[in-house]
């Protein structure tokens, strides 16, 4: 995971959307929900293509991670979570439960093929 302090989350979200990662996900009831189809995904069904960490320039407590996701049924999108003092512990545990084998070595949009 790279420390991304020079850009805002929305810059990368727009870039990934341009690459087809347009699905939005919501964490609810210990699952990641596709907001359009309402399909619920468990950690073993999620593949992390990339992830970027952000720290707020004006507020150090404003910390987040942008996950770029593909699901087992080929849906592609992004999900932004808080970390640090404002983190949702259940959501953080959910992402910890994603198998390490489901994480790509690509960490940058320029590496996507």
N, C-alpha and C. Protein backbone atom coordinates (compact mmCIF):
# COMPACT_ATOMS: atom_id res chain seq x y z
N UNK A 1 0.85 -1.17 0.00
CA UNK A 1 0.00 0.00 0.00
C UNK A 1 0.89 1.23 0.00
N UNK A 2 0.63 2.14 -0.90
CA UNK A 2 1.41 3.36 -0.96
C UNK A 2 0.77 4.45 -0.12
N UNK A 3 1.58 5.31 0.45
CA UNK A 3 1.08 6.46 1.19
C UNK A 3 0.83 7.57 0.18
N UNK A 4 -0.41 7.92 -0.01
CA UNK A 4 -0.79 8.92 -1.01
C UNK A 4 -1.16 10.22 -0.30
N UNK A 5 -0.24 11.16 -0.24
CA UNK A 5 -0.55 12.42 0.43
C UNK A 5 -0.69 13.57 -0.54
N UNK A 6 -0.32 13.38 -1.81
CA UNK A 6 -0.34 14.49 -2.74
C UNK A 6 -1.65 14.62 -3.50
N UNK A 7 -2.50 13.62 -3.44
CA UNK A 7 -3.77 13.67 -4.16
C UNK A 7 -4.92 13.42 -3.19
N UNK A 8 -6.09 13.83 -3.61
CA UNK A 8 -7.30 13.58 -2.84
C UNK A 8 -7.95 12.30 -3.35
N UNK A 9 -8.72 11.65 -2.51
CA UNK A 9 -9.37 10.39 -2.88
C UNK A 9 -10.15 10.50 -4.19
N UNK A 10 -10.85 11.61 -4.36
CA UNK A 10 -11.70 11.74 -5.55
C UNK A 10 -10.90 11.73 -6.84
N UNK A 11 -9.65 12.18 -6.80
CA UNK A 11 -8.81 12.14 -8.00
C UNK A 11 -8.63 10.70 -8.47
N UNK A 12 -8.31 9.81 -7.54
CA UNK A 12 -8.11 8.41 -7.90
C UNK A 12 -9.43 7.72 -8.21
N UNK A 13 -10.49 8.05 -7.50
CA UNK A 13 -11.79 7.45 -7.81
C UNK A 13 -12.16 7.75 -9.26
N UNK A 14 -11.99 8.99 -9.68
CA UNK A 14 -12.30 9.35 -11.07
C UNK A 14 -11.43 8.59 -12.06
N UNK A 15 -10.14 8.44 -11.76
CA UNK A 15 -9.25 7.69 -12.65
C UNK A 15 -9.69 6.25 -12.77
N UNK A 16 -10.00 5.62 -11.63
CA UNK A 16 -10.43 4.22 -11.67
C UNK A 16 -11.79 4.07 -12.35
N UNK A 17 -12.68 5.03 -12.16
CA UNK A 17 -13.96 4.98 -12.87
C UNK A 17 -13.74 5.00 -14.37
N UNK A 18 -12.76 5.79 -14.82
CA UNK A 18 -12.42 5.83 -16.23
C UNK A 18 -11.89 4.51 -16.75
N UNK A 19 -11.38 3.66 -15.85
CA UNK A 19 -10.89 2.33 -16.20
C UNK A 19 -11.97 1.26 -16.03
N UNK A 20 -13.21 1.69 -15.74
CA UNK A 20 -14.32 0.75 -15.64
C UNK A 20 -14.69 0.33 -14.23
N UNK A 21 -14.07 0.89 -13.22
CA UNK A 21 -14.37 0.56 -11.83
C UNK A 21 -15.47 1.49 -11.33
N UNK A 22 -16.70 1.22 -11.77
CA UNK A 22 -17.81 2.15 -11.56
C UNK A 22 -18.80 1.71 -10.48
N UNK A 23 -18.70 0.49 -10.01
CA UNK A 23 -19.63 0.01 -8.99
C UNK A 23 -19.29 0.66 -7.65
N UNK A 24 -20.32 1.05 -6.92
CA UNK A 24 -20.15 1.59 -5.58
C UNK A 24 -20.55 0.52 -4.58
N UNK A 25 -19.80 0.42 -3.50
CA UNK A 25 -20.06 -0.57 -2.47
C UNK A 25 -20.32 0.12 -1.14
N UNK A 26 -21.16 -0.52 -0.34
CA UNK A 26 -21.53 -0.05 0.99
C UNK A 26 -21.31 -1.20 1.96
N UNK A 27 -20.68 -0.93 3.09
CA UNK A 27 -20.50 -1.95 4.11
C UNK A 27 -21.72 -1.94 5.01
N UNK A 28 -22.41 -3.10 5.09
CA UNK A 28 -23.62 -3.18 5.88
C UNK A 28 -23.86 -4.64 6.28
N UNK A 29 -24.26 -4.87 7.52
CA UNK A 29 -24.56 -6.22 8.02
C UNK A 29 -23.42 -7.20 7.76
N UNK A 30 -22.20 -6.74 8.00
CA UNK A 30 -20.99 -7.54 7.86
C UNK A 30 -20.81 -8.11 6.45
N UNK A 31 -21.19 -7.32 5.45
CA UNK A 31 -20.99 -7.69 4.05
C UNK A 31 -20.75 -6.41 3.25
N UNK A 32 -20.13 -6.57 2.09
CA UNK A 32 -19.94 -5.45 1.18
C UNK A 32 -21.06 -5.55 0.15
N UNK A 33 -21.90 -4.52 0.09
CA UNK A 33 -23.10 -4.53 -0.73
C UNK A 33 -22.90 -3.68 -1.98
N UNK A 34 -23.20 -4.25 -3.15
CA UNK A 34 -23.23 -3.50 -4.40
C UNK A 34 -24.47 -2.62 -4.33
N UNK A 35 -24.30 -1.30 -4.36
CA UNK A 35 -25.44 -0.39 -4.16
C UNK A 35 -26.45 -0.45 -5.30
N UNK A 36 -26.04 -0.94 -6.46
CA UNK A 36 -26.96 -1.03 -7.59
C UNK A 36 -27.74 -2.35 -7.59
N UNK A 37 -27.03 -3.46 -7.51
CA UNK A 37 -27.67 -4.77 -7.60
C UNK A 37 -28.13 -5.31 -6.25
N UNK A 38 -27.62 -4.73 -5.16
CA UNK A 38 -27.90 -5.15 -3.78
C UNK A 38 -27.30 -6.52 -3.45
N UNK A 39 -26.40 -7.02 -4.28
CA UNK A 39 -25.72 -8.29 -3.99
C UNK A 39 -24.75 -8.07 -2.84
N UNK A 40 -24.75 -9.00 -1.89
CA UNK A 40 -23.86 -8.94 -0.74
C UNK A 40 -22.66 -9.85 -0.97
N UNK A 41 -21.46 -9.33 -0.71
CA UNK A 41 -20.23 -10.08 -0.90
C UNK A 41 -19.54 -10.32 0.43
N UNK A 42 -18.97 -11.50 0.56
CA UNK A 42 -18.17 -11.88 1.72
C UNK A 42 -16.70 -11.71 1.36
N UNK A 43 -15.81 -11.68 2.35
CA UNK A 43 -14.38 -11.42 2.08
C UNK A 43 -13.76 -12.33 1.02
N UNK A 44 -14.11 -13.60 1.00
CA UNK A 44 -13.50 -14.52 0.03
C UNK A 44 -13.98 -14.28 -1.40
N UNK A 45 -15.00 -13.44 -1.60
CA UNK A 45 -15.52 -13.13 -2.95
C UNK A 45 -14.97 -11.82 -3.49
N UNK A 46 -14.09 -11.17 -2.71
CA UNK A 46 -13.58 -9.84 -3.05
C UNK A 46 -12.10 -9.93 -3.39
N UNK A 47 -11.73 -9.25 -4.48
CA UNK A 47 -10.34 -9.19 -4.91
C UNK A 47 -9.91 -7.73 -4.92
N UNK A 48 -8.82 -7.43 -4.25
CA UNK A 48 -8.32 -6.06 -4.15
C UNK A 48 -7.31 -5.84 -5.27
N UNK A 49 -7.68 -4.98 -6.21
CA UNK A 49 -6.81 -4.65 -7.34
C UNK A 49 -5.74 -3.66 -6.91
N UNK A 50 -6.14 -2.68 -6.10
CA UNK A 50 -5.22 -1.65 -5.61
C UNK A 50 -5.82 -1.05 -4.35
N UNK A 51 -4.98 -0.41 -3.58
CA UNK A 51 -5.45 0.32 -2.40
C UNK A 51 -4.50 1.48 -2.15
N UNK A 52 -5.09 2.59 -1.77
CA UNK A 52 -4.34 3.84 -1.57
C UNK A 52 -4.73 4.43 -0.22
N UNK A 53 -3.74 4.81 0.55
CA UNK A 53 -3.98 5.40 1.87
C UNK A 53 -3.85 6.92 1.78
N UNK A 54 -4.73 7.59 2.49
CA UNK A 54 -4.74 9.07 2.51
C UNK A 54 -4.73 9.56 3.93
N UNK A 55 -3.99 10.64 4.15
CA UNK A 55 -4.00 11.33 5.44
C UNK A 55 -4.36 12.78 5.16
N UNK A 56 -5.30 13.30 5.94
CA UNK A 56 -5.75 14.67 5.73
C UNK A 56 -4.64 15.68 5.93
N UNK A 57 -4.52 16.61 4.99
CA UNK A 57 -3.48 17.63 5.08
C UNK A 57 -3.76 18.60 6.23
N UNK A 58 -5.03 18.96 6.44
CA UNK A 58 -5.35 19.92 7.48
C UNK A 58 -5.74 19.25 8.80
N UNK A 59 -6.15 17.98 8.73
CA UNK A 59 -6.58 17.26 9.94
C UNK A 59 -5.97 15.87 9.92
N UNK A 60 -4.94 15.62 10.72
CA UNK A 60 -4.28 14.31 10.74
C UNK A 60 -5.22 13.15 11.10
N UNK A 61 -6.34 13.45 11.76
CA UNK A 61 -7.30 12.40 12.09
C UNK A 61 -8.17 12.02 10.89
N UNK A 62 -8.10 12.78 9.82
CA UNK A 62 -8.87 12.50 8.60
C UNK A 62 -8.06 11.52 7.76
N UNK A 63 -8.22 10.22 8.05
CA UNK A 63 -7.45 9.19 7.36
C UNK A 63 -8.40 8.21 6.70
N UNK A 64 -8.06 7.78 5.48
CA UNK A 64 -8.91 6.85 4.77
C UNK A 64 -8.08 5.95 3.86
N UNK A 65 -8.71 4.85 3.45
CA UNK A 65 -8.11 3.94 2.47
C UNK A 65 -9.12 3.75 1.35
N UNK A 66 -8.67 3.95 0.12
CA UNK A 66 -9.48 3.68 -1.06
C UNK A 66 -9.12 2.29 -1.55
N UNK A 67 -10.11 1.41 -1.59
CA UNK A 67 -9.93 0.06 -2.13
C UNK A 67 -10.52 0.00 -3.53
N UNK A 68 -9.75 -0.55 -4.46
CA UNK A 68 -10.22 -0.79 -5.83
C UNK A 68 -10.51 -2.29 -5.89
N UNK A 69 -11.76 -2.62 -6.21
CA UNK A 69 -12.28 -3.96 -5.98
C UNK A 69 -12.80 -4.60 -7.26
N UNK A 70 -12.56 -5.90 -7.36
CA UNK A 70 -13.26 -6.75 -8.33
C UNK A 70 -13.87 -7.87 -7.51
N UNK A 71 -15.05 -8.31 -7.91
CA UNK A 71 -15.73 -9.39 -7.19
C UNK A 71 -15.65 -10.67 -8.01
N UNK A 72 -15.98 -11.77 -7.38
CA UNK A 72 -15.96 -13.06 -8.05
C UNK A 72 -16.87 -13.12 -9.26
N UNK A 73 -17.91 -12.30 -9.29
CA UNK A 73 -18.82 -12.28 -10.45
C UNK A 73 -18.51 -11.12 -11.41
N UNK A 74 -17.27 -10.64 -11.36
CA UNK A 74 -16.72 -9.67 -12.31
C UNK A 74 -17.23 -8.24 -12.17
N UNK A 75 -17.82 -7.87 -11.03
CA UNK A 75 -18.20 -6.48 -10.80
C UNK A 75 -16.94 -5.73 -10.40
N UNK A 76 -16.81 -4.48 -10.84
CA UNK A 76 -15.61 -3.68 -10.58
C UNK A 76 -16.01 -2.33 -10.01
N UNK A 77 -15.37 -1.94 -8.90
CA UNK A 77 -15.70 -0.66 -8.31
C UNK A 77 -14.71 -0.26 -7.22
N UNK A 78 -15.12 0.72 -6.43
CA UNK A 78 -14.27 1.25 -5.37
C UNK A 78 -15.05 1.33 -4.06
N UNK A 79 -14.27 1.36 -2.98
CA UNK A 79 -14.87 1.53 -1.65
C UNK A 79 -13.87 2.30 -0.79
N UNK A 80 -14.35 3.31 -0.10
CA UNK A 80 -13.52 4.16 0.74
C UNK A 80 -13.87 3.90 2.20
N UNK A 81 -12.84 3.60 3.01
CA UNK A 81 -13.10 3.40 4.44
C UNK A 81 -12.20 4.31 5.26
N UNK A 82 -12.64 4.65 6.44
CA UNK A 82 -11.82 5.41 7.36
C UNK A 82 -10.91 4.47 8.13
N UNK A 83 -9.78 4.97 8.59
CA UNK A 83 -8.94 4.19 9.49
C UNK A 83 -8.37 5.12 10.54
N UNK A 84 -7.74 4.55 11.52
CA UNK A 84 -7.25 5.35 12.64
C UNK A 84 -8.35 5.52 13.66
N UNK A 85 -8.36 6.65 14.37
CA UNK A 85 -9.31 6.84 15.47
C UNK A 85 -10.78 6.83 15.04
N UNK A 86 -11.04 7.15 13.77
CA UNK A 86 -12.44 7.22 13.31
C UNK A 86 -12.89 5.95 12.60
N UNK A 87 -12.08 4.91 12.60
CA UNK A 87 -12.39 3.70 11.84
C UNK A 87 -13.58 2.95 12.42
N UNK A 88 -14.36 2.36 11.52
CA UNK A 88 -15.42 1.43 11.89
C UNK A 88 -14.73 0.08 12.09
N UNK A 89 -14.69 -0.40 13.31
CA UNK A 89 -13.93 -1.61 13.62
C UNK A 89 -14.47 -2.84 12.89
N UNK A 90 -15.78 -2.96 12.76
CA UNK A 90 -16.34 -4.10 12.03
C UNK A 90 -15.93 -4.07 10.56
N UNK A 91 -15.95 -2.89 9.97
CA UNK A 91 -15.56 -2.75 8.57
C UNK A 91 -14.06 -3.06 8.40
N UNK A 92 -13.24 -2.58 9.32
CA UNK A 92 -11.81 -2.85 9.26
C UNK A 92 -11.54 -4.35 9.38
N UNK A 93 -12.24 -5.03 10.27
CA UNK A 93 -12.09 -6.48 10.42
C UNK A 93 -12.51 -7.22 9.16
N UNK A 94 -13.58 -6.74 8.53
CA UNK A 94 -14.05 -7.35 7.29
C UNK A 94 -12.94 -7.32 6.24
N UNK A 95 -12.28 -6.17 6.08
CA UNK A 95 -11.22 -6.06 5.08
C UNK A 95 -9.99 -6.87 5.48
N UNK A 96 -9.75 -7.03 6.78
CA UNK A 96 -8.65 -7.89 7.23
C UNK A 96 -8.92 -9.35 6.88
N UNK A 97 -10.19 -9.71 6.78
CA UNK A 97 -10.58 -11.09 6.49
C UNK A 97 -10.49 -11.45 5.00
N UNK A 98 -10.25 -10.46 4.14
CA UNK A 98 -10.06 -10.77 2.72
C UNK A 98 -8.75 -11.55 2.60
N UNK A 99 -8.79 -12.73 1.98
CA UNK A 99 -7.57 -13.54 1.89
C UNK A 99 -6.43 -12.78 1.21
N UNK A 100 -5.24 -12.92 1.76
CA UNK A 100 -4.06 -12.25 1.18
C UNK A 100 -3.86 -12.64 -0.28
N UNK A 101 -4.26 -13.85 -0.64
CA UNK A 101 -4.16 -14.30 -2.04
C UNK A 101 -5.06 -13.50 -2.97
N UNK A 102 -6.05 -12.79 -2.40
CA UNK A 102 -6.97 -11.99 -3.20
C UNK A 102 -6.49 -10.56 -3.42
N UNK A 103 -5.28 -10.25 -2.96
CA UNK A 103 -4.69 -8.93 -3.14
C UNK A 103 -3.75 -8.97 -4.34
N UNK A 104 -3.92 -8.04 -5.27
CA UNK A 104 -3.04 -7.93 -6.42
C UNK A 104 -1.73 -7.27 -6.02
N UNK A 105 -0.70 -7.55 -6.77
CA UNK A 105 0.58 -6.87 -6.54
C UNK A 105 0.56 -5.47 -7.17
N UNK A 106 -0.40 -5.20 -8.06
CA UNK A 106 -0.52 -3.87 -8.66
C UNK A 106 -1.03 -2.89 -7.62
N UNK A 107 -0.35 -1.79 -7.49
CA UNK A 107 -0.77 -0.80 -6.49
C UNK A 107 -1.03 0.57 -7.10
N UNK A 108 -0.98 0.66 -8.41
CA UNK A 108 -1.08 1.94 -9.07
C UNK A 108 -1.90 1.79 -10.35
N UNK A 109 -2.74 2.79 -10.63
CA UNK A 109 -3.59 2.73 -11.82
C UNK A 109 -2.74 2.58 -13.09
N UNK A 110 -1.54 3.09 -13.09
CA UNK A 110 -0.69 2.99 -14.28
C UNK A 110 -0.23 1.57 -14.55
N UNK A 111 -0.39 0.68 -13.57
CA UNK A 111 0.01 -0.71 -13.73
C UNK A 111 -1.12 -1.59 -14.20
N UNK A 112 -2.35 -1.07 -14.25
CA UNK A 112 -3.49 -1.86 -14.71
C UNK A 112 -3.38 -2.15 -16.19
N UNK A 113 -3.75 -3.36 -16.56
CA UNK A 113 -3.73 -3.72 -17.99
C UNK A 113 -5.12 -3.94 -18.50
